[in-house]
Amino acid sequence: MKKSIWGKGDKITLSVLRKLKPRGAWLDLAAGDGRYAPTLLKTVNSLVVADKDKKIFKL
C-alpha cells in the first residue's frame, strides 16, 4: 500500500481501533487514500473503502 499523504492517521483514532479490534464487514467512507485501512485489515473480515476524490485514492 502506498504511503498516505496525510501521514499515519490520528493517534487517538488508531489507538481506539487497536483496542476495540473491530470485526465483521466495514465500510470506510471518505477514506481518502486509505490511511486507516492497514489497521482495520488486521482484524476485520472485509473492508470497503470509498472516497469521492478519484485522484487521491489509488491501489
C-alpha atoms as a PDB file:
ATOM      1  CA  MET A   1       0.000   0.000   0.000  1.00  0.00           C
ATOM      2  CA  LYS A   2       1.215   3.474  -0.900  1.00  0.00           C
ATOM      3  CA  LYS A   3       2.242   5.842   1.912  1.00  0.00           C
ATOM      4  CA  SER A   4      -0.532   8.259   2.938  1.00  0.00           C
ATOM      5  CA  ILE A   5      -0.097  11.926   2.089  1.00  0.00           C
ATOM      6  CA  TRP A   6      -1.839  12.667   5.424  1.00  0.00           C
ATOM      7  CA  GLY A   7       0.585  10.652   7.479  1.00  0.00           C
ATOM      8  CA  LYS A   8      -0.160   7.581   9.560  1.00  0.00           C
ATOM      9  CA  GLY A   9      -3.507   8.813  10.830  1.00  0.00           C
ATOM     10  CA  ASP A  10      -4.781  10.334  14.042  1.00  0.00           C
ATOM     11  CA  LYS A  11      -3.076   8.789  17.095  1.00  0.00           C
ATOM     12  CA  ILE A  12      -6.284   8.633  19.140  1.00  0.00           C
ATOM     13  CA  THR A  13      -8.258   7.041  16.298  1.00  0.00           C
ATOM     14  CA  LEU A  14      -5.546   4.446  15.742  1.00  0.00           C
ATOM     15  CA  SER A  15      -5.393   3.698  19.476  1.00  0.00           C
ATOM     16  CA  VAL A  16      -9.161   3.170  19.645  1.00  0.00           C
ATOM     17  CA  LEU A  17      -9.128   0.898  16.590  1.00  0.00           C
ATOM     18  CA  ARG A  18      -6.320  -1.204  18.076  1.00  0.00           C
ATOM     19  CA  LYS A  19      -8.074  -1.528  21.443  1.00  0.00           C
ATOM     20  CA  LEU A  20     -11.515  -2.308  20.001  1.00  0.00           C
ATOM     21  CA  LYS A  21     -10.211  -4.845  17.473  1.00  0.00           C
ATOM     22  CA  PRO A  22     -13.227  -4.392  15.183  1.00  0.00           C
ATOM     23  CA  ARG A  23     -14.708  -7.454  13.481  1.00  0.00           C
ATOM     24  CA  GLY A  24     -17.130  -8.101  10.646  1.00  0.00           C
ATOM     25  CA  ALA A  25     -17.665  -6.119   7.464  1.00  0.00           C
ATOM     26  CA  TRP A  26     -16.647  -2.447   7.476  1.00  0.00           C
ATOM     27  CA  LEU A  27     -17.268   0.484   5.160  1.00  0.00           C
ATOM     28  CA  ASP A  28     -14.773   3.346   5.400  1.00  0.00           C
ATOM     29  CA  LEU A  29     -16.455   6.370   3.792  1.00  0.00           C
ATOM     30  CA  ALA A  30     -14.390   9.448   2.950  1.00  0.00           C
ATOM     31  CA  ALA A  31     -11.366   7.185   3.261  1.00  0.00           C
ATOM     32  CA  GLY A  32      -9.011   9.498   1.429  1.00  0.00           C
ATOM     33  CA  ASP A  33      -6.032   7.417   0.435  1.00  0.00           C
ATOM     34  CA  GLY A  34      -6.878   4.674   2.923  1.00  0.00           C
ATOM     35  CA  ARG A  35      -4.583   5.567   5.816  1.00  0.00           C
ATOM     36  CA  TYR A  36      -6.716   3.584   8.306  1.00  0.00           C
ATOM     37  CA  ALA A  37      -7.119   0.557   6.044  1.00  0.00           C
ATOM     38  CA  PRO A  38      -3.946  -1.264   7.198  1.00  0.00           C
ATOM     39  CA  THR A  39      -5.048  -1.100  10.844  1.00  0.00           C
ATOM     40  CA  LEU A  40      -8.605  -2.188  10.042  1.00  0.00           C
ATOM     41  CA  LEU A  41      -7.463  -5.038   7.799  1.00  0.00           C
ATOM     42  CA  LYS A  42      -5.652  -6.640  10.725  1.00  0.00           C
ATOM     43  CA  THR A  43      -8.940  -7.516  12.458  1.00  0.00           C
ATOM     44  CA  VAL A  44     -11.988  -7.059  10.192  1.00  0.00           C
ATOM     45  CA  ASN A  45     -13.359  -9.780   7.911  1.00  0.00           C
ATOM     46  CA  SER A  46     -13.838  -7.446   4.963  1.00  0.00           C
ATOM     47  CA  LEU A  47     -13.278  -3.771   4.251  1.00  0.00           C
ATOM     48  CA  VAL A  48     -14.606  -1.476   1.543  1.00  0.00           C
ATOM     49  CA  VAL A  49     -13.026   1.970   1.266  1.00  0.00           C
ATOM     50  CA  ALA A  50     -14.606   4.794  -0.709  1.00  0.00           C
ATOM     51  CA  ASP A  51     -13.872   8.426  -1.418  1.00  0.00           C
ATOM     52  CA  LYS A  52     -15.329  10.894  -3.902  1.00  0.00           C
ATOM     53  CA  ASP A  53     -11.871  12.127  -4.948  1.00  0.00           C
ATOM     54  CA  LYS A  54     -10.734   9.608  -7.553  1.00  0.00           C
ATOM     55  CA  LYS A  55      -7.327  11.242  -7.877  1.00  0.00           C
ATOM     56  CA  ILE A  56      -6.295  10.633  -4.265  1.00  0.00           C
ATOM     57  CA  PHE A  57      -7.360   7.009  -3.915  1.00  0.00           C
ATOM     58  CA  LYS A  58      -5.089   4.657  -5.828  1.00  0.00           C
ATOM     59  CA  LEU A  59      -4.492   0.961  -5.278  1.00  0.00           C
END
